[in-house]
Amino acid sequence: QVQLVESGGGLVQSGGSLRLSCAASGLTSDTYTVAWFRQAPGKVREFVAASRRSGGTTHFADSVKGRFTISRDNAKNTVYLQMESLKPEDTAVYYCAAGRGIILSSLFADRHYDYWGQGTQVTVSS
């Protein structure tokens, strides 16, 4: 059974940092594309960042470029989202997702991912 478990969310002041973790079980994360999406209240879920399978490329939404990084620890089967210079508009529930065989142009669409975590809340106060 595949499980993705996010952790690391919380309340932080504007300009602060957080690191989210996505621990995978039931799959080997380095053979999957792993992405982070987020959903703010009243808004649709949106793409944040993706790491194509081990050795591949990383991709970011324009709104987080230069502030967020995505990385993997294959030994721990965990993917991280390091978030710096957080803004109130980054407030959302953050989800990690995993999928295989996702082509570049499909990275940004949630329907292409097979597995999802339960989400972790990130709140940035002004």
PDB file of N, CA and C in Angstrom:
ATOM      1  N   GLN A   1       0.846  -1.185   0.000  1.00  0.00           N
ATOM      2  CA  GLN A   1       0.000   0.000   0.000  1.00  0.00           C
ATOM      3  C   GLN A   1       0.889   1.245   0.000  1.00  0.00           C
ATOM      4  N   VAL A   2       0.600   2.149  -0.928  1.00  0.00           N
ATOM      5  CA  VAL A   2       1.397   3.359  -1.044  1.00  0.00           C
ATOM      6  C   VAL A   2       0.871   4.404  -0.072  1.00  0.00           C
ATOM      7  N   GLN A   3       1.804   5.026   0.628  1.00  0.00           N
ATOM      8  CA  GLN A   3       1.445   6.130   1.513  1.00  0.00           C
ATOM      9  C   GLN A   3       2.446   7.256   1.347  1.00  0.00           C
ATOM     10  N   LEU A   4       1.930   8.461   1.294  1.00  0.00           N
ATOM     11  CA  LEU A   4       2.748   9.664   1.343  1.00  0.00           C
ATOM     12  C   LEU A   4       2.312  10.441   2.576  1.00  0.00           C
ATOM     13  N   VAL A   5       3.263  10.777   3.427  1.00  0.00           N
ATOM     14  CA  VAL A   5       2.936  11.470   4.665  1.00  0.00           C
ATOM     15  C   VAL A   5       3.729  12.764   4.730  1.00  0.00           C
ATOM     16  N   GLU A   6       3.003  13.884   4.726  1.00  0.00           N
ATOM     17  CA  GLU A   6       3.643  15.196   4.822  1.00  0.00           C
ATOM     18  C   GLU A   6       3.793  15.602   6.289  1.00  0.00           C
ATOM     19  N   SER A   7       4.814  16.380   6.536  1.00  0.00           N
ATOM     20  CA  SER A   7       5.003  16.961   7.869  1.00  0.00           C
ATOM     21  C   SER A   7       5.792  18.247   7.715  1.00  0.00           C
ATOM     22  N   GLY A   8       5.847  19.013   8.792  1.00  0.00           N
ATOM     23  CA  GLY A   8       6.664  20.214   8.794  1.00  0.00           C
ATOM     24  C   GLY A   8       5.909  21.517   8.651  1.00  0.00           C
ATOM     25  N   GLY A   9       4.609  21.432   8.443  1.00  0.00           N
ATOM     26  CA  GLY A   9       3.837  22.666   8.344  1.00  0.00           C
ATOM     27  C   GLY A   9       3.725  23.357   9.689  1.00  0.00           C
ATOM     28  N   GLY A  10       3.174  24.562   9.651  1.00  0.00           N
ATOM     29  CA  GLY A  10       3.001  25.302  10.893  1.00  0.00           C
ATOM     30  C   GLY A  10       2.731  26.753  10.632  1.00  0.00           C
ATOM     31  N   LEU A  11       2.837  27.539  11.692  1.00  0.00           N
ATOM     32  CA  LEU A  11       2.621  28.984  11.629  1.00  0.00           C
ATOM     33  C   LEU A  11       3.975  29.683  11.657  1.00  0.00           C
ATOM     34  N   VAL A  12       4.180  30.591  10.729  1.00  0.00           N
ATOM     35  CA  VAL A  12       5.448  31.305  10.638  1.00  0.00           C
ATOM     36  C   VAL A  12       5.162  32.750  10.250  1.00  0.00           C
ATOM     37  N   GLN A  13       6.024  33.648  10.657  1.00  0.00           N
ATOM     38  CA  GLN A  13       5.855  35.048  10.283  1.00  0.00           C
ATOM     39  C   GLN A  13       6.342  35.292   8.867  1.00  0.00           C
ATOM     40  N   SER A  14       5.812  36.326   8.269  1.00  0.00           N
ATOM     41  CA  SER A  14       6.247  36.718   6.937  1.00  0.00           C
ATOM     42  C   SER A  14       7.767  36.904   6.926  1.00  0.00           C
ATOM     43  N   GLY A  15       8.413  36.338   5.894  1.00  0.00           N
ATOM     44  CA  GLY A  15       9.865  36.382   5.798  1.00  0.00           C
ATOM     45  C   GLY A  15      10.548  35.178   6.407  1.00  0.00           C
ATOM     46  N   GLY A  16       9.793  34.355   7.091  1.00  0.00           N
ATOM     47  CA  GLY A  16      10.348  33.177   7.742  1.00  0.00           C
ATOM     48  C   GLY A  16      10.511  31.997   6.797  1.00  0.00           C
ATOM     49  N   SER A  17      10.921  30.876   7.386  1.00  0.00           N
ATOM     50  CA  SER A  17      11.209  29.673   6.608  1.00  0.00           C
ATOM     51  C   SER A  17      10.538  28.458   7.229  1.00  0.00           C
ATOM     52  N   LEU A  18      10.267  27.489   6.394  1.00  0.00           N
ATOM     53  CA  LEU A  18       9.780  26.184   6.835  1.00  0.00           C
ATOM     54  C   LEU A  18      10.336  25.136   5.888  1.00  0.00           C
ATOM     55  N   ARG A  19      10.486  23.925   6.387  1.00  0.00           N
ATOM     56  CA  ARG A  19      10.833  22.802   5.535  1.00  0.00           C
ATOM     57  C   ARG A  19       9.768  21.733   5.677  1.00  0.00           C
ATOM     58  N   LEU A  20       9.129  21.426   4.565  1.00  0.00           N
ATOM     59  CA  LEU A  20       8.142  20.357   4.532  1.00  0.00           C
ATOM     60  C   LEU A  20       8.806  19.057   4.111  1.00  0.00           C
ATOM     61  N   SER A  21       8.336  17.968   4.685  1.00  0.00           N
ATOM     62  CA  SER A  21       8.830  16.646   4.331  1.00  0.00           C
ATOM     63  C   SER A  21       7.696  15.795   3.793  1.00  0.00           C
ATOM     64  N   CYS A  22       8.029  14.946   2.849  1.00  0.00           N
ATOM     65  CA  CYS A  22       7.069  13.985   2.300  1.00  0.00           C
ATOM     66  C   CYS A  22       7.732  12.621   2.360  1.00  0.00           C
ATOM     67  N   ALA A  23       7.321  11.807   3.319  1.00  0.00           N
ATOM     68  CA  ALA A  23       7.881  10.476   3.496  1.00  0.00           C
ATOM     69  C   ALA A  23       7.030   9.457   2.750  1.00  0.00           C
ATOM     70  N   ALA A  24       7.677   8.694   1.894  1.00  0.00           N
ATOM     71  CA  ALA A  24       6.960   7.725   1.069  1.00  0.00           C
ATOM     72  C   ALA A  24       7.167   6.305   1.582  1.00  0.00           C
ATOM     73  N   SER A  25       6.128   5.527   1.517  1.00  0.00           N
ATOM     74  CA  SER A  25       6.226   4.097   1.787  1.00  0.00           C
ATOM     75  C   SER A  25       5.395   3.362   0.745  1.00  0.00           C
ATOM     76  N   GLY A  26       5.814   2.147   0.439  1.00  0.00           N
ATOM     77  CA  GLY A  26       5.110   1.374  -0.567  1.00  0.00           C
ATOM     78  C   GLY A  26       5.533   1.703  -1.976  1.00  0.00           C
ATOM     79  N   LEU A  27       6.459   2.637  -2.124  1.00  0.00           N
ATOM     80  CA  LEU A  27       7.043   2.931  -3.422  1.00  0.00           C
ATOM     81  C   LEU A  27       8.444   3.443  -3.183  1.00  0.00           C
ATOM     82  N   THR A  28       9.233   3.361  -4.229  1.00  0.00           N
ATOM     83  CA  THR A  28      10.593   3.878  -4.158  1.00  0.00           C
ATOM     84  C   THR A  28      10.583   5.244  -4.798  1.00  0.00           C
ATOM     85  N   SER A  29      10.749   6.265  -3.983  1.00  0.00           N
ATOM     86  CA  SER A  29      10.521   7.626  -4.475  1.00  0.00           C
ATOM     87  C   SER A  29      11.450   8.003  -5.608  1.00  0.00           C
ATOM     88  N   ASP A  30      12.631   7.369  -5.679  1.00  0.00           N
ATOM     89  CA  ASP A  30      13.549   7.805  -6.728  1.00  0.00           C
ATOM     90  C   ASP A  30      13.155   7.283  -8.097  1.00  0.00           C
ATOM     91  N   THR A  31      12.093   6.490  -8.189  1.00  0.00           N
ATOM     92  CA  THR A  31      11.600   6.065  -9.502  1.00  0.00           C
ATOM     93  C   THR A  31      10.346   6.828  -9.895  1.00  0.00           C
ATOM     94  N   TYR A  32       9.942   7.782  -9.074  1.00  0.00           N
ATOM     95  CA  TYR A  32       8.738   8.549  -9.322  1.00  0.00           C
ATOM     96  C   TYR A  32       9.068  10.033  -9.458  1.00  0.00           C
ATOM     97  N   THR A  33       8.243  10.727 -10.177  1.00  0.00           N
ATOM     98  CA  THR A  33       8.207  12.178 -10.085  1.00  0.00           C
ATOM     99  C   THR A  33       7.420  12.523  -8.827  1.00  0.00           C
ATOM    100  N   VAL A  34       7.990  13.387  -8.003  1.00  0.00           N
ATOM    101  CA  VAL A  34       7.311  13.824  -6.791  1.00  0.00           C
ATOM    102  C   VAL A  34       7.113  15.333  -6.864  1.00  0.00           C
ATOM    103  N   ALA A  35       5.925  15.769  -6.543  1.00  0.00           N
ATOM    104  CA  ALA A  35       5.593  17.191  -6.644  1.00  0.00           C
ATOM    105  C   ALA A  35       4.915  17.676  -5.375  1.00  0.00           C
ATOM    106  N   TRP A  36       4.940  18.971  -5.221  1.00  0.00           N
ATOM    107  CA  TRP A  36       4.175  19.649  -4.172  1.00  0.00           C
ATOM    108  C   TRP A  36       3.124  20.527  -4.838  1.00  0.00           C
ATOM    109  N   PHE A  37       1.926  20.435  -4.322  1.00  0.00           N
ATOM    110  CA  PHE A  37       0.830  21.307  -4.702  1.00  0.00           C
ATOM    111  C   PHE A  37       0.328  21.996  -3.436  1.00  0.00           C
ATOM    112  N   ARG A  38      -0.437  23.039  -3.620  1.00  0.00           N
ATOM    113  CA  ARG A  38      -1.040  23.702  -2.467  1.00  0.00           C
ATOM    114  C   ARG A  38      -2.437  24.181  -2.809  1.00  0.00           C
ATOM    115  N   GLN A  39      -3.236  24.305  -1.765  1.00  0.00           N
ATOM    116  CA  GLN A  39      -4.597  24.791  -1.950  1.00  0.00           C
ATOM    117  C   GLN A  39      -4.935  25.748  -0.822  1.00  0.00           C
ATOM    118  N   ALA A  40      -5.215  26.976  -1.193  1.00  0.00           N
ATOM    119  CA  ALA A  40      -5.639  27.993  -0.246  1.00  0.00           C
ATOM    120  C   ALA A  40      -7.163  27.986  -0.157  1.00  0.00           C
ATOM    121  N   PRO A  41      -7.730  28.473   0.931  1.00  0.00           N
ATOM    122  CA  PRO A  41      -9.186  28.484   1.073  1.00  0.00           C
ATOM    123  C   PRO A  41      -9.856  29.190  -0.085  1.00  0.00           C
ATOM    124  N   GLY A  42     -10.850  28.536  -0.670  1.00  0.00           N
ATOM    125  CA  GLY A  42     -11.604  29.128  -1.757  1.00  0.00           C
ATOM    126  C   GLY A  42     -10.905  29.135  -3.098  1.00  0.00           C
ATOM    127  N   LYS A  43      -9.751  28.513  -3.170  1.00  0.00           N
ATOM    128  CA  LYS A  43      -8.998  28.514  -4.429  1.00  0.00           C
ATOM    129  C   LYS A  43      -8.769  27.083  -4.902  1.00  0.00           C
ATOM    130  N   VAL A  44      -8.461  26.939  -6.177  1.00  0.00           N
ATOM    131  CA  VAL A  44      -8.157  25.623  -6.713  1.00  0.00           C
ATOM    132  C   VAL A  44      -6.749  25.213  -6.302  1.00  0.00           C
ATOM    133  N   ARG A  45      -6.526  23.918  -6.293  1.00  0.00           N
ATOM    134  CA  ARG A  45      -5.199  23.421  -5.971  1.00  0.00           C
ATOM    135  C   ARG A  45      -4.234  23.830  -7.081  1.00  0.00           C
ATOM    136  N   GLU A  46      -3.046  24.266  -6.690  1.00  0.00           N
ATOM    137  CA  GLU A  46      -2.094  24.731  -7.682  1.00  0.00           C
ATOM    138  C   GLU A  46      -0.725  24.069  -7.488  1.00  0.00           C
ATOM    139  N   PHE A  47      -0.035  23.950  -8.595  1.00  0.00           N
ATOM    140  CA  PHE A  47       1.302  23.389  -8.615  1.00  0.00           C
ATOM    141  C   PHE A  47       2.276  24.323  -7.909  1.00  0.00           C
ATOM    142  N   VAL A  48       3.201  23.734  -7.154  1.00  0.00           N
ATOM    143  CA  VAL A  48       4.244  24.509  -6.483  1.00  0.00           C
ATOM    144  C   VAL A  48       5.624  24.122  -7.014  1.00  0.00           C
ATOM    145  N   ALA A  49       5.955  22.845  -6.966  1.00  0.00           N
ATOM    146  CA  ALA A  49       7.289  22.392  -7.358  1.00  0.00           C
ATOM    147  C   ALA A  49       7.248  20.911  -7.668  1.00  0.00           C
ATOM    148  N   ALA A  50       8.197  20.467  -8.490  1.00  0.00           N
ATOM    149  CA  ALA A  50       8.302  19.051  -8.807  1.00  0.00           C
ATOM    150  C   ALA A  50       9.753  18.658  -8.963  1.00  0.00           C
ATOM    151  N   SER A  51      10.019  17.420  -8.607  1.00  0.00           N
ATOM    152  CA  SER A  51      11.328  16.819  -8.803  1.00  0.00           C
ATOM    153  C   SER A  51      11.119  15.557  -9.632  1.00  0.00           C
ATOM    154  N   ARG A  52      11.628  15.579 -10.827  1.00  0.00           N
ATOM    155  CA  ARG A  52      11.510  14.392 -11.660  1.00  0.00           C
ATOM    156  C   ARG A  52      12.422  13.322 -11.086  1.00  0.00           C
ATOM    157  N   ARG A  53      12.176  12.080 -11.430  1.00  0.00           N
ATOM    158  CA  ARG A  53      12.821  10.977 -10.722  1.00  0.00           C
ATOM    159  C   ARG A  53      14.335  11.149 -10.654  1.00  0.00           C
ATOM    160  N   SER A  54      14.913  10.478  -9.694  1.00  0.00           N
ATOM    161  CA  SER A  54      16.282  10.713  -9.272  1.00  0.00           C
ATOM    162  C   SER A  54      17.205  11.023 -10.434  1.00  0.00           C
ATOM    163  N   GLY A  55      17.930  12.099 -10.288  1.00  0.00           N
ATOM    164  CA  GLY A  55      18.825  12.514 -11.363  1.00  0.00           C
ATOM    165  C   GLY A  55      18.171  13.413 -12.370  1.00  0.00           C
ATOM    166  N   GLY A  56      16.881  13.632 -12.191  1.00  0.00           N
ATOM    167  CA  GLY A  56      16.151  14.460 -13.137  1.00  0.00           C
ATOM    168  C   GLY A  56      16.143  15.932 -12.754  1.00  0.00           C
ATOM    169  N   THR A  57      15.252  16.650 -13.328  1.00  0.00           N
ATOM    170  CA  THR A  57      15.200  18.098 -13.181  1.00  0.00           C
ATOM    171  C   THR A  57      14.198  18.514 -12.108  1.00  0.00           C
ATOM    172  N   THR A  58      14.303  19.761 -11.698  1.00  0.00           N
ATOM    173  CA  THR A  58      13.336  20.342 -10.783  1.00  0.00           C
ATOM    174  C   THR A  58      12.625  21.491 -11.470  1.00  0.00           C
ATOM    175  N   HIS A  59      11.391  21.743 -11.043  1.00  0.00           N
ATOM    176  CA  HIS A  59      10.570  22.753 -11.682  1.00  0.00           C
ATOM    177  C   HIS A  59       9.755  23.457 -10.618  1.00  0.00           C
ATOM    178  N   PHE A  60       9.539  24.740 -10.819  1.00  0.00           N
ATOM    179  CA  PHE A  60       8.865  25.543  -9.816  1.00  0.00           C
ATOM    180  C   PHE A  60       7.835  26.453 -10.455  1.00  0.00           C
ATOM    181  N   ALA A  61       6.782  26.713  -9.707  1.00  0.00           N
ATOM    182  CA  ALA A  61       5.839  27.738 -10.120  1.00  0.00           C
ATOM    183  C   ALA A  61       6.532  29.098 -10.063  1.00  0.00           C
ATOM    184  N   ASP A  62       6.139  29.997 -10.933  1.00  0.00           N
ATOM    185  CA  ASP A  62       6.766  31.322 -10.962  1.00  0.00           C
ATOM    186  C   ASP A  62       6.644  32.021  -9.608  1.00  0.00           C
ATOM    187  N   SER A  63       5.561  31.772  -8.918  1.00  0.00           N
ATOM    188  CA  SER A  63       5.311  32.472  -7.659  1.00  0.00           C
ATOM    189  C   SER A  63       6.290  32.067  -6.542  1.00  0.00           C
ATOM    190  N   VAL A  64       6.984  30.950  -6.722  1.00  0.00           N
ATOM    191  CA  VAL A  64       7.895  30.490  -5.660  1.00  0.00           C
ATOM    192  C   VAL A  64       9.345  30.389  -6.125  1.00  0.00           C
ATOM    193  N   LYS A  65       9.590  30.640  -7.387  1.00  0.00           N
ATOM    194  CA  LYS A  65      10.956  30.547  -7.908  1.00  0.00           C
ATOM    195  C   LYS A  65      11.884  31.474  -7.133  1.00  0.00           C
ATOM    196  N   GLY A  66      13.050  30.945  -6.791  1.00  0.00           N
ATOM    197  CA  GLY A  66      14.018  31.725  -6.041  1.00  0.00           C
ATOM    198  C   GLY A  66      13.787  31.702  -4.542  1.00  0.00           C
ATOM    199  N   ARG A  67      12.635  31.193  -4.115  1.00  0.00           N
ATOM    200  CA  ARG A  67      12.344  31.142  -2.672  1.00  0.00           C
ATOM    201  C   ARG A  67      12.232  29.706  -2.165  1.00  0.00           C
ATOM    202  N   PHE A  68      11.743  28.805  -3.009  1.00  0.00           N
ATOM    203  CA  PHE A  68      11.537  27.405  -2.616  1.00  0.00           C
ATOM    204  C   PHE A  68      12.532  26.519  -3.345  1.00  0.00           C
ATOM    205  N   THR A  69      12.961  25.465  -2.679  1.00  0.00           N
ATOM    206  CA  THR A  69      13.757  24.431  -3.320  1.00  0.00           C
ATOM    207  C   THR A  69      13.169  23.068  -2.983  1.00  0.00           C
ATOM    208  N   ILE A  70      13.359  22.120  -3.879  1.00  0.00           N
ATOM    209  CA  ILE A  70      12.875  20.756  -3.678  1.00  0.00           C
ATOM    210  C   ILE A  70      14.071  19.826  -3.750  1.00  0.00           C
ATOM    211  N   SER A  71      14.126  18.871  -2.842  1.00  0.00           N
ATOM    212  CA  SER A  71      15.255  17.949  -2.804  1.00  0.00           C
ATOM    213  C   SER A  71      14.789  16.579  -2.333  1.00  0.00           C
ATOM    214  N   ARG A  72      15.637  15.609  -2.562  1.00  0.00           N
ATOM    215  CA  ARG A  72      15.320  14.224  -2.195  1.00  0.00           C
ATOM    216  C   ARG A  72      16.408  13.648  -1.301  1.00  0.00           C
ATOM    217  N   ASP A  73      16.001  12.790  -0.386  1.00  0.00           N
ATOM    218  CA  ASP A  73      16.926  11.928   0.341  1.00  0.00           C
ATOM    219  C   ASP A  73      16.481  10.506   0.029  1.00  0.00           C
ATOM    220  N   ASN A  74      17.133   9.895  -0.943  1.00  0.00           N
ATOM    221  CA  ASN A  74      16.687   8.574  -1.392  1.00  0.00           C
ATOM    222  C   ASN A  74      16.859   7.522  -0.303  1.00  0.00           C
ATOM    223  N   ALA A  75      17.862   7.683   0.535  1.00  0.00           N
ATOM    224  CA  ALA A  75      18.068   6.719   1.616  1.00  0.00           C
ATOM    225  C   ALA A  75      16.891   6.716   2.582  1.00  0.00           C
ATOM    226  N   LYS A  76      16.250   7.868   2.730  1.00  0.00           N
ATOM    227  CA  LYS A  76      15.100   7.970   3.626  1.00  0.00           C
ATOM    228  C   LYS A  76      13.778   7.913   2.867  1.00  0.00           C
ATOM    229  N   ASN A  77      13.855   7.793   1.545  1.00  0.00           N
ATOM    230  CA  ASN A  77      12.635   7.761   0.721  1.00  0.00           C
ATOM    231  C   ASN A  77      11.759   8.984   1.013  1.00  0.00           C
ATOM    232  N   THR A  78      12.409  10.127   1.104  1.00  0.00           N
ATOM    233  CA  THR A  78      11.737  11.362   1.513  1.00  0.00           C
ATOM    234  C   THR A  78      12.095  12.486   0.562  1.00  0.00           C
ATOM    235  N   VAL A  79      11.102  13.316   0.278  1.00  0.00           N
ATOM    236  CA  VAL A  79      11.293  14.505  -0.543  1.00  0.00           C
ATOM    237  C   VAL A  79      10.973  15.724   0.323  1.00  0.00           C
ATOM    238  N   TYR A  80      11.769  16.755   0.166  1.00  0.00           N
ATOM    239  CA  TYR A  80      11.634  17.952   0.994  1.00  0.00           C
ATOM    240  C   TYR A  80      11.262  19.165   0.139  1.00  0.00           C
ATOM    241  N   LEU A  81      10.551  20.075   0.746  1.00  0.00           N
ATOM    242  CA  LEU A  81      10.292  21.383   0.146  1.00  0.00           C
ATOM    243  C   LEU A  81      10.786  22.419   1.149  1.00  0.00           C
ATOM    244  N   GLN A  82      11.884  23.045   0.809  1.00  0.00           N
ATOM    245  CA  GLN A  82      12.435  24.108   1.643  1.00  0.00           C
ATOM    246  C   GLN A  82      11.843  25.424   1.185  1.00  0.00           C
ATOM    247  N   MET A  83      11.195  26.125   2.108  1.00  0.00           N
ATOM    248  CA  MET A  83      10.502  27.361   1.763  1.00  0.00           C
ATOM    249  C   MET A  83      11.137  28.512   2.521  1.00  0.00           C
ATOM    250  N   GLU A  84      11.619  29.486   1.779  1.00  0.00           N
ATOM    251  CA  GLU A  84      12.268  30.653   2.355  1.00  0.00           C
ATOM    252  C   GLU A  84      11.473  31.902   1.997  1.00  0.00           C
ATOM    253  N   SER A  85      11.748  32.970   2.745  1.00  0.00           N
ATOM    254  CA  SER A  85      11.108  34.272   2.472  1.00  0.00           C
ATOM    255  C   SER A  85       9.602  34.116   2.286  1.00  0.00           C
ATOM    256  N   LEU A  86       8.991  33.427   3.198  1.00  0.00           N
ATOM    257  CA  LEU A  86       7.560  33.136   3.076  1.00  0.00           C
ATOM    258  C   LEU A  86       6.725  34.407   3.138  1.00  0.00           C
ATOM    259  N   LYS A  87       5.629  34.371   2.391  1.00  0.00           N
ATOM    260  CA  LYS A  87       4.711  35.499   2.287  1.00  0.00           C
ATOM    261  C   LYS A  87       3.323  35.045   2.740  1.00  0.00           C
ATOM    262  N   PRO A  88       2.480  35.971   3.160  1.00  0.00           N
ATOM    263  CA  PRO A  88       1.114  35.579   3.542  1.00  0.00           C
ATOM    264  C   PRO A  88       0.379  34.826   2.433  1.00  0.00           C
ATOM    265  N   GLU A  89       0.667  35.164   1.200  1.00  0.00           N
ATOM    266  CA  GLU A  89      -0.003  34.480   0.091  1.00  0.00           C
ATOM    267  C   GLU A  89       0.473  33.039  -0.112  1.00  0.00           C
ATOM    268  N   ASP A  90       1.493  32.618   0.625  1.00  0.00           N
ATOM    269  CA  ASP A  90       1.901  31.215   0.607  1.00  0.00           C
ATOM    270  C   ASP A  90       1.044  30.361   1.543  1.00  0.00           C
ATOM    271  N   THR A  91       0.173  30.995   2.305  1.00  0.00           N
ATOM    272  CA  THR A  91      -0.692  30.266   3.220  1.00  0.00           C
ATOM    273  C   THR A  91      -1.598  29.321   2.453  1.00  0.00           C
ATOM    274  N   ALA A  92      -1.550  28.046   2.812  1.00  0.00           N
ATOM    275  CA  ALA A  92      -2.329  27.014   2.117  1.00  0.00           C
ATOM    276  C   ALA A  92      -2.096  25.672   2.795  1.00  0.00           C
ATOM    277  N   VAL A  93      -2.883  24.699   2.386  1.00  0.00           N
ATOM    278  CA  VAL A  93      -2.562  23.313   2.707  1.00  0.00           C
ATOM    279  C   VAL A  93      -1.656  22.806   1.595  1.00  0.00           C
ATOM    280  N   TYR A  94      -0.528  22.249   1.983  1.00  0.00           N
ATOM    281  CA  TYR A  94       0.449  21.753   1.026  1.00  0.00           C
ATOM    282  C   TYR A  94       0.365  20.231   0.953  1.00  0.00           C
ATOM    283  N   TYR A  95       0.305  19.739  -0.276  1.00  0.00           N
ATOM    284  CA  TYR A  95       0.189  18.307  -0.532  1.00  0.00           C
ATOM    285  C   TYR A  95       1.381  17.820  -1.337  1.00  0.00           C
ATOM    286  N   CYS A  96       1.881  16.641  -1.010  1.00  0.00           N
ATOM    287  CA  CYS A  96       2.835  16.029  -1.920  1.00  0.00           C
ATOM    288  C   CYS A  96       2.115  14.966  -2.736  1.00  0.00           C
ATOM    289  N   ALA A  97       2.640  14.732  -3.909  1.00  0.00           N
ATOM    290  CA  ALA A  97       2.030  13.806  -4.850  1.00  0.00           C
ATOM    291  C   ALA A  97       3.125  13.072  -5.603  1.00  0.00           C
ATOM    292  N   ALA A  98       2.839  11.858  -6.020  1.00  0.00           N
ATOM    293  CA  ALA A  98       3.824  11.060  -6.759  1.00  0.00           C
ATOM    294  C   ALA A  98       3.162  10.414  -7.962  1.00  0.00           C
ATOM    295  N   GLY A  99       3.937  10.289  -9.018  1.00  0.00           N
ATOM    296  CA  GLY A  99       3.442   9.650 -10.216  1.00  0.00           C
ATOM    297  C   GLY A  99       4.596   9.169 -11.063  1.00  0.00           C
ATOM    298  N   ARG A 100       4.295   8.276 -11.976  1.00  0.00           N
ATOM    299  CA  ARG A 100       5.323   7.761 -12.878  1.00  0.00           C
ATOM    300  C   ARG A 100       4.970   8.119 -14.311  1.00  0.00           C
ATOM    301  N   GLY A 101       6.009   8.259 -15.112  1.00  0.00           N
ATOM    302  CA  GLY A 101       5.783   8.481 -16.538  1.00  0.00           C
ATOM    303  C   GLY A 101       5.129   9.806 -16.855  1.00  0.00           C
ATOM    304  N   ILE A 102       5.331  10.795 -16.001  1.00  0.00           N
ATOM    305  CA  ILE A 102       4.711  12.105 -16.235  1.00  0.00           C
ATOM    306  C   ILE A 102       5.638  12.918 -17.119  1.00  0.00           C
ATOM    307  N   ILE A 103       5.127  13.315 -18.277  1.00  0.00           N
ATOM    308  CA  ILE A 103       5.963  14.091 -19.179  1.00  0.00           C
ATOM    309  C   ILE A 103       6.044  15.532 -18.681  1.00  0.00           C
ATOM    310  N   LEU A 104       7.027  16.239 -19.202  1.00  0.00           N
ATOM    311  CA  LEU A 104       7.312  17.578 -18.697  1.00  0.00           C
ATOM    312  C   LEU A 104       6.085  18.485 -18.738  1.00  0.00           C
ATOM    313  N   SER A 105       5.388  18.473 -19.842  1.00  0.00           N
ATOM    314  CA  SER A 105       4.240  19.374 -19.993  1.00  0.00           C
ATOM    315  C   SER A 105       3.083  19.031 -19.062  1.00  0.00           C
ATOM    316  N   SER A 106       3.126  17.858 -18.461  1.00  0.00           N
ATOM    317  CA  SER A 106       2.035  17.420 -17.573  1.00  0.00           C
ATOM    318  C   SER A 106       2.374  17.565 -16.099  1.00  0.00           C
ATOM    319  N   LEU A 107       3.584  18.008 -15.812  1.00  0.00           N
ATOM    320  CA  LEU A 107       4.033  18.091 -14.422  1.00  0.00           C
ATOM    321  C   LEU A 107       3.117  18.959 -13.573  1.00  0.00           C
ATOM    322  N   PHE A 108       2.536  19.977 -14.197  1.00  0.00           N
ATOM    323  CA  PHE A 108       1.870  21.027 -13.448  1.00  0.00           C
ATOM    324  C   PHE A 108       0.392  20.743 -13.192  1.00  0.00           C
ATOM    325  N   ALA A 109      -0.094  19.616 -13.714  1.00  0.00           N
ATOM    326  CA  ALA A 109      -1.510  19.273 -13.593  1.00  0.00           C
ATOM    327  C   ALA A 109      -1.691  18.137 -12.601  1.00  0.00           C
ATOM    328  N   ASP A 110      -2.505  18.348 -11.584  1.00  0.00           N
ATOM    329  CA  ASP A 110      -2.629  17.358 -10.511  1.00  0.00           C
ATOM    330  C   ASP A 110      -3.228  16.037 -10.978  1.00  0.00           C
ATOM    331  N   ARG A 111      -3.968  16.038 -12.078  1.00  0.00           N
ATOM    332  CA  ARG A 111      -4.635  14.812 -12.515  1.00  0.00           C
ATOM    333  C   ARG A 111      -3.651  13.737 -12.979  1.00  0.00           C
ATOM    334  N   HIS A 112      -2.407  14.099 -13.196  1.00  0.00           N
ATOM    335  CA  HIS A 112      -1.422  13.133 -13.691  1.00  0.00           C
ATOM    336  C   HIS A 112      -0.723  12.382 -12.562  1.00  0.00           C
ATOM    337  N   TYR A 113      -1.010  12.731 -11.339  1.00  0.00           N
ATOM    338  CA  TYR A 113      -0.340  12.103 -10.196  1.00  0.00           C
ATOM    339  C   TYR A 113      -1.236  11.020  -9.602  1.00  0.00           C
ATOM    340  N   ASP A 114      -0.612   9.903  -9.251  1.00  0.00           N
ATOM    341  CA  ASP A 114      -1.369   8.741  -8.799  1.00  0.00           C
ATOM    342  C   ASP A 114      -1.582   8.703  -7.289  1.00  0.00           C
ATOM    343  N   TYR A 115      -0.653   9.229  -6.544  1.00  0.00           N
ATOM    344  CA  TYR A 115      -0.685   9.101  -5.086  1.00  0.00           C
ATOM    345  C   TYR A 115      -0.560  10.487  -4.445  1.00  0.00           C
ATOM    346  N   TRP A 116      -1.297  10.646  -3.346  1.00  0.00           N
ATOM    347  CA  TRP A 116      -1.354  11.929  -2.658  1.00  0.00           C
ATOM    348  C   TRP A 116      -1.250  11.732  -1.151  1.00  0.00           C
ATOM    349  N   GLY A 117      -0.608  12.697  -0.515  1.00  0.00           N
ATOM    350  CA  GLY A 117      -0.611  12.726   0.934  1.00  0.00           C
ATOM    351  C   GLY A 117      -1.847  13.429   1.460  1.00  0.00           C
ATOM    352  N   GLN A 118      -1.935  13.511   2.766  1.00  0.00           N
ATOM    353  CA  GLN A 118      -3.126  14.083   3.411  1.00  0.00           C
ATOM    354  C   GLN A 118      -3.040  15.598   3.535  1.00  0.00           C
ATOM    355  N   GLY A 119      -1.867  16.157   3.328  1.00  0.00           N
ATOM    356  CA  GLY A 119      -1.695  17.602   3.389  1.00  0.00           C
ATOM    357  C   GLY A 119      -1.182  18.083   4.734  1.00  0.00           C
ATOM    358  N   THR A 120      -0.483  19.204   4.696  1.00  0.00           N
ATOM    359  CA  THR A 120      -0.010  19.845   5.913  1.00  0.00           C
ATOM    360  C   THR A 120      -0.248  21.347   5.783  1.00  0.00           C
ATOM    361  N   GLN A 121      -0.749  21.950   6.843  1.00  0.00           N
ATOM    362  CA  GLN A 121      -1.126  23.363   6.794  1.00  0.00           C
ATOM    363  C   GLN A 121       0.098  24.248   6.995  1.00  0.00           C
ATOM    364  N   VAL A 122       0.216  25.228   6.123  1.00  0.00           N
ATOM    365  CA  VAL A 122       1.222  26.279   6.275  1.00  0.00           C
ATOM    366  C   VAL A 122       0.486  27.601   6.380  1.00  0.00           C
ATOM    367  N   THR A 123       0.746  28.329   7.452  1.00  0.00           N
ATOM    368  CA  THR A 123       0.124  29.629   7.660  1.00  0.00           C
ATOM    369  C   THR A 123       1.225  30.661   7.863  1.00  0.00           C
ATOM    370  N   VAL A 124       1.184  31.699   7.041  1.00  0.00           N
ATOM    371  CA  VAL A 124       2.177  32.763   7.126  1.00  0.00           C
ATOM    372  C   VAL A 124       1.468  34.033   7.572  1.00  0.00           C
ATOM    373  N   SER A 125       1.873  34.542   8.699  1.00  0.00           N
ATOM    374  CA  SER A 125       1.237  35.748   9.231  1.00  0.00           C
ATOM    375  C   SER A 125       1.998  36.986   8.765  1.00  0.00           C
ATOM    376  N   SER A 126       1.249  38.069   8.599  1.00  0.00           N
ATOM    377  CA  SER A 126       1.875  39.309   8.115  1.00  0.00           C
ATOM    378  C   SER A 126       2.381  40.161   9.269  1.00  0.00           C
TER     379      SER A 126
END
